[in-house]
């Protein structure tokens, strides 16, 4: 039994684009790239199932929630960095006042 090869997403898209844009039959592509035709049909099915999610409103809502969460986390990070900078500055001033040097 042969070793399974993993194909990158870019390779899958390249092959499927060739099929969809240039109307190259999947049978010809399977011979050219030494792939089983069922594998190409599965990739095509996955492509169109993913396309449904892209145009689905739930997907957009989820993306909006992620954008809001990202903004909240970025604001928390900014506040944390400002607090750290303030504490470092206070620490330097304290060291200078006790030792006269850093």
N, C-alpha and C. Protein backbone atom coordinates (compact mmCIF):
# COMPACT_ATOMS: atom_id res chain seq x y z
N UNK A 1 0.84 -1.17 0.00
CA UNK A 1 0.00 0.00 0.00
C UNK A 1 0.89 1.24 0.00
N UNK A 2 0.56 2.22 -0.83
CA UNK A 2 1.38 3.41 -0.96
C UNK A 2 1.20 4.37 0.19
N UNK A 3 2.17 5.26 0.31
CA UNK A 3 2.13 6.27 1.37
C UNK A 3 1.16 7.38 0.97
N UNK A 4 0.36 7.84 1.94
CA UNK A 4 -0.57 8.94 1.68
C UNK A 4 0.19 10.24 1.56
N UNK A 5 -0.19 11.02 0.59
CA UNK A 5 0.41 12.34 0.45
C UNK A 5 -0.62 13.38 0.85
N UNK A 6 -0.17 14.40 1.51
CA UNK A 6 -1.03 15.52 1.89
C UNK A 6 -0.82 16.63 0.89
N UNK A 7 -1.92 17.18 0.44
CA UNK A 7 -1.86 18.27 -0.53
C UNK A 7 -2.19 19.57 0.17
N UNK A 8 -1.46 20.61 -0.16
CA UNK A 8 -1.69 21.91 0.46
C UNK A 8 -3.00 22.49 -0.06
N UNK A 9 -3.52 23.44 0.69
CA UNK A 9 -4.75 24.11 0.28
C UNK A 9 -4.53 24.83 -1.06
N UNK A 10 -3.34 25.39 -1.24
CA UNK A 10 -3.04 26.10 -2.49
C UNK A 10 -3.10 25.15 -3.68
N UNK A 11 -2.58 23.93 -3.49
CA UNK A 11 -2.59 22.94 -4.56
C UNK A 11 -4.03 22.53 -4.90
N UNK A 12 -4.83 22.32 -3.85
CA UNK A 12 -6.22 21.93 -4.07
C UNK A 12 -6.97 23.02 -4.83
N UNK A 13 -6.76 24.26 -4.43
CA UNK A 13 -7.43 25.38 -5.10
C UNK A 13 -6.96 25.49 -6.54
N UNK A 14 -5.67 25.29 -6.77
CA UNK A 14 -5.13 25.37 -8.13
C UNK A 14 -5.80 24.33 -9.04
N UNK A 15 -5.91 23.11 -8.53
CA UNK A 15 -6.50 22.03 -9.32
C UNK A 15 -7.99 22.29 -9.56
N UNK A 16 -8.71 22.69 -8.52
CA UNK A 16 -10.14 22.95 -8.68
C UNK A 16 -10.41 24.17 -9.55
N UNK A 17 -9.54 25.17 -9.46
CA UNK A 17 -9.70 26.35 -10.32
C UNK A 17 -9.52 25.96 -11.79
N UNK A 18 -8.56 25.09 -12.01
CA UNK A 18 -8.33 24.59 -13.37
C UNK A 18 -9.59 23.90 -13.89
N UNK A 19 -10.23 23.14 -13.03
CA UNK A 19 -11.46 22.44 -13.41
C UNK A 19 -12.61 23.43 -13.64
N UNK A 20 -12.78 24.37 -12.74
CA UNK A 20 -13.93 25.28 -12.82
C UNK A 20 -13.75 26.38 -13.86
N UNK A 21 -12.56 26.97 -13.93
CA UNK A 21 -12.34 28.08 -14.86
C UNK A 21 -12.12 27.60 -16.30
N UNK A 22 -11.35 26.53 -16.45
CA UNK A 22 -10.98 26.07 -17.79
C UNK A 22 -11.80 24.87 -18.26
N UNK A 23 -12.77 24.44 -17.46
CA UNK A 23 -13.62 23.29 -17.78
C UNK A 23 -12.81 22.03 -18.12
N UNK A 24 -11.69 21.86 -17.42
CA UNK A 24 -10.90 20.64 -17.60
C UNK A 24 -11.60 19.55 -16.80
N UNK A 25 -11.91 18.42 -17.43
CA UNK A 25 -12.62 17.34 -16.71
C UNK A 25 -11.81 16.83 -15.51
N UNK A 26 -12.53 16.44 -14.47
CA UNK A 26 -11.86 15.92 -13.28
C UNK A 26 -11.09 14.65 -13.60
N UNK A 27 -11.59 13.87 -14.55
CA UNK A 27 -10.87 12.63 -14.92
C UNK A 27 -9.49 12.96 -15.49
N UNK A 28 -9.42 14.01 -16.30
CA UNK A 28 -8.13 14.41 -16.87
C UNK A 28 -7.20 14.95 -15.77
N UNK A 29 -7.77 15.73 -14.85
CA UNK A 29 -6.96 16.26 -13.76
C UNK A 29 -6.46 15.15 -12.84
N UNK A 30 -7.30 14.14 -12.62
CA UNK A 30 -6.88 13.03 -11.77
C UNK A 30 -5.71 12.28 -12.39
N UNK A 31 -5.72 12.13 -13.71
CA UNK A 31 -4.60 11.48 -14.39
C UNK A 31 -3.35 12.36 -14.35
N UNK A 32 -3.53 13.66 -14.61
CA UNK A 32 -2.40 14.58 -14.66
C UNK A 32 -1.68 14.67 -13.31
N UNK A 33 -2.45 14.73 -12.23
CA UNK A 33 -1.86 14.90 -10.90
C UNK A 33 -1.78 13.59 -10.11
N UNK A 34 -2.09 12.47 -10.75
CA UNK A 34 -2.05 11.14 -10.11
C UNK A 34 -2.88 11.10 -8.84
N UNK A 35 -4.13 11.55 -8.96
CA UNK A 35 -5.06 11.57 -7.84
C UNK A 35 -6.28 10.72 -8.19
N UNK A 36 -6.89 10.16 -7.18
CA UNK A 36 -8.11 9.40 -7.40
C UNK A 36 -9.25 10.38 -7.68
N UNK A 37 -10.09 10.10 -8.68
CA UNK A 37 -11.18 11.02 -9.01
C UNK A 37 -12.11 11.32 -7.82
N UNK A 38 -12.33 10.32 -6.97
CA UNK A 38 -13.20 10.55 -5.81
C UNK A 38 -12.63 11.63 -4.89
N UNK A 39 -11.31 11.69 -4.81
CA UNK A 39 -10.68 12.71 -3.99
C UNK A 39 -10.97 14.10 -4.55
N UNK A 40 -10.92 14.24 -5.86
CA UNK A 40 -11.22 15.53 -6.48
C UNK A 40 -12.68 15.91 -6.28
N UNK A 41 -13.58 14.93 -6.37
CA UNK A 41 -15.00 15.21 -6.13
C UNK A 41 -15.22 15.64 -4.67
N UNK A 42 -14.48 15.03 -3.75
CA UNK A 42 -14.60 15.40 -2.34
C UNK A 42 -14.10 16.84 -2.12
N UNK A 43 -12.98 17.18 -2.74
CA UNK A 43 -12.46 18.55 -2.63
C UNK A 43 -13.47 19.56 -3.17
N UNK A 44 -14.07 19.21 -4.31
CA UNK A 44 -15.06 20.11 -4.92
C UNK A 44 -16.27 20.28 -3.99
N UNK A 45 -16.73 19.18 -3.40
CA UNK A 45 -17.86 19.23 -2.47
C UNK A 45 -17.51 20.12 -1.28
N UNK A 46 -16.31 19.94 -0.72
CA UNK A 46 -15.86 20.75 0.41
C UNK A 46 -15.77 22.23 0.05
N UNK A 47 -15.33 22.50 -1.17
CA UNK A 47 -15.23 23.88 -1.63
C UNK A 47 -16.60 24.56 -1.62
N UNK A 48 -17.59 23.87 -2.16
CA UNK A 48 -18.91 24.48 -2.24
C UNK A 48 -19.62 24.51 -0.88
N UNK A 49 -19.34 23.56 -0.01
CA UNK A 49 -19.89 23.62 1.34
C UNK A 49 -19.31 24.80 2.09
N UNK A 50 -18.03 25.06 1.89
CA UNK A 50 -17.39 26.23 2.50
C UNK A 50 -17.93 27.52 1.93
N UNK A 51 -18.29 27.50 0.65
CA UNK A 51 -18.85 28.69 0.01
C UNK A 51 -20.19 29.05 0.64
N UNK A 52 -20.96 28.05 1.04
CA UNK A 52 -22.23 28.32 1.70
C UNK A 52 -22.01 29.09 3.00
N UNK A 53 -20.99 28.70 3.75
CA UNK A 53 -20.68 29.40 4.99
C UNK A 53 -20.26 30.84 4.72
N UNK A 54 -19.55 31.05 3.63
CA UNK A 54 -19.09 32.39 3.29
C UNK A 54 -20.26 33.33 3.05
N UNK A 55 -21.29 32.84 2.40
CA UNK A 55 -22.42 33.68 2.08
C UNK A 55 -23.53 33.62 3.11
N UNK A 56 -23.34 32.84 4.13
CA UNK A 56 -24.34 32.68 5.17
C UNK A 56 -24.24 33.84 6.15
N UNK A 57 -25.38 34.32 6.66
CA UNK A 57 -25.39 35.46 7.57
C UNK A 57 -24.82 35.10 8.94
N UNK A 58 -24.93 33.84 9.35
CA UNK A 58 -24.36 33.42 10.63
C UNK A 58 -22.86 33.64 10.62
N UNK A 59 -22.25 33.37 9.48
CA UNK A 59 -20.81 33.53 9.34
C UNK A 59 -20.43 35.00 9.55
N UNK A 60 -21.22 35.89 8.99
CA UNK A 60 -20.96 37.32 9.14
C UNK A 60 -21.13 37.76 10.58
N UNK A 61 -22.16 37.22 11.27
CA UNK A 61 -22.37 37.56 12.67
C UNK A 61 -21.19 37.09 13.50
N UNK A 62 -20.71 35.89 13.21
CA UNK A 62 -19.58 35.35 13.96
C UNK A 62 -18.34 36.20 13.73
N UNK A 63 -18.15 36.65 12.51
CA UNK A 63 -17.00 37.49 12.19
C UNK A 63 -17.11 38.82 12.93
N UNK A 64 -18.33 39.37 13.03
CA UNK A 64 -18.54 40.62 13.75
C UNK A 64 -18.23 40.44 15.23
N UNK A 65 -18.68 39.33 15.82
CA UNK A 65 -18.38 39.06 17.22
C UNK A 65 -16.87 38.96 17.44
N UNK A 66 -16.19 38.33 16.51
CA UNK A 66 -14.74 38.20 16.62
C UNK A 66 -14.07 39.56 16.52
N UNK A 67 -14.58 40.43 15.65
CA UNK A 67 -14.02 41.78 15.52
C UNK A 67 -14.20 42.56 16.81
N UNK A 68 -15.38 42.45 17.44
CA UNK A 68 -15.64 43.14 18.70
C UNK A 68 -14.70 42.62 19.78
N UNK A 69 -14.57 41.30 19.87
CA UNK A 69 -13.69 40.71 20.87
C UNK A 69 -12.24 41.13 20.64
N UNK A 70 -11.83 41.22 19.39
CA UNK A 70 -10.48 41.65 19.07
C UNK A 70 -10.25 43.08 19.55
N UNK A 71 -11.21 43.96 19.32
CA UNK A 71 -11.08 45.35 19.77
C UNK A 71 -11.00 45.44 21.28
N UNK A 72 -11.81 44.63 21.98
CA UNK A 72 -11.79 44.63 23.45
C UNK A 72 -10.43 44.17 23.95
N UNK A 73 -9.91 43.11 23.36
CA UNK A 73 -8.61 42.59 23.78
C UNK A 73 -7.48 43.57 23.47
N UNK A 74 -7.57 44.25 22.34
CA UNK A 74 -6.54 45.25 22.00
C UNK A 74 -6.57 46.39 23.01
N UNK A 75 -7.75 46.82 23.42
CA UNK A 75 -7.86 47.89 24.41
C UNK A 75 -7.28 47.45 25.75
N UNK A 76 -7.56 46.21 26.15
CA UNK A 76 -6.99 45.68 27.40
C UNK A 76 -5.46 45.64 27.31
N UNK A 77 -4.94 45.25 26.17
CA UNK A 77 -3.49 45.19 25.98
C UNK A 77 -2.88 46.59 26.07
N UNK A 78 -3.54 47.58 25.47
CA UNK A 78 -3.03 48.95 25.54
C UNK A 78 -3.00 49.45 26.99
N UNK A 79 -4.07 49.17 27.73
CA UNK A 79 -4.12 49.59 29.14
C UNK A 79 -3.04 48.90 29.95
N UNK A 80 -2.84 47.61 29.70
CA UNK A 80 -1.81 46.85 30.41
C UNK A 80 -0.44 47.41 30.12
N UNK A 81 -0.15 47.71 28.86
CA UNK A 81 1.15 48.26 28.49
C UNK A 81 1.37 49.64 29.12
N UNK A 82 0.31 50.45 29.18
CA UNK A 82 0.43 51.77 29.82
C UNK A 82 0.72 51.61 31.30
N UNK A 83 0.06 50.67 31.96
CA UNK A 83 0.28 50.43 33.38
C UNK A 83 1.70 49.93 33.64
N UNK A 84 2.17 49.03 32.80
CA UNK A 84 3.54 48.52 32.94
C UNK A 84 4.55 49.65 32.77
N UNK A 85 4.33 50.51 31.79
CA UNK A 85 5.24 51.63 31.57
C UNK A 85 5.25 52.56 32.78
N UNK A 86 4.08 52.82 33.35
CA UNK A 86 3.98 53.67 34.53
C UNK A 86 4.72 53.05 35.72
N UNK A 87 4.53 51.75 35.93
CA UNK A 87 5.21 51.06 37.03
C UNK A 87 6.72 51.06 36.85
N UNK A 88 7.17 50.86 35.62
CA UNK A 88 8.61 50.89 35.36
C UNK A 88 9.19 52.27 35.65
N UNK A 89 8.46 53.30 35.25
CA UNK A 89 8.91 54.67 35.49
C UNK A 89 8.99 54.93 37.00
N UNK A 90 7.98 54.51 37.75
CA UNK A 90 7.99 54.68 39.20
C UNK A 90 9.15 53.91 39.82
N UNK A 91 9.41 52.72 39.33
CA UNK A 91 10.50 51.90 39.84
C UNK A 91 11.85 52.60 39.63
N UNK A 92 12.04 53.17 38.46
CA UNK A 92 13.29 53.88 38.16
C UNK A 92 13.46 55.06 39.10
N UNK A 93 12.38 55.82 39.31
CA UNK A 93 12.45 56.98 40.20
C UNK A 93 12.78 56.55 41.63
N UNK A 94 12.19 55.46 42.10
CA UNK A 94 12.49 54.96 43.44
C UNK A 94 13.94 54.53 43.57
N UNK A 95 14.45 53.83 42.58
CA UNK A 95 15.85 53.39 42.62
C UNK A 95 16.79 54.59 42.66
N UNK A 96 16.47 55.61 41.88
CA UNK A 96 17.30 56.80 41.86
C UNK A 96 17.27 57.53 43.20
N UNK A 97 16.09 57.57 43.81
CA UNK A 97 15.98 58.28 45.08
C UNK A 97 16.71 57.53 46.20
N UNK A 98 16.79 56.22 46.17
CA UNK A 98 17.48 55.44 47.21
C UNK A 98 18.98 55.37 46.95
N UNK A 99 19.37 55.12 45.74
CA UNK A 99 20.80 54.88 45.45
C UNK A 99 21.47 56.07 44.78
N UNK A 100 20.72 56.91 44.18
CA UNK A 100 21.30 58.02 43.44
C UNK A 100 21.71 57.60 42.04
N UNK A 101 21.48 56.37 41.70
CA UNK A 101 21.78 55.86 40.35
C UNK A 101 20.84 54.71 40.04
N UNK A 102 20.88 54.30 38.82
CA UNK A 102 19.99 53.21 38.40
C UNK A 102 20.64 51.88 38.66
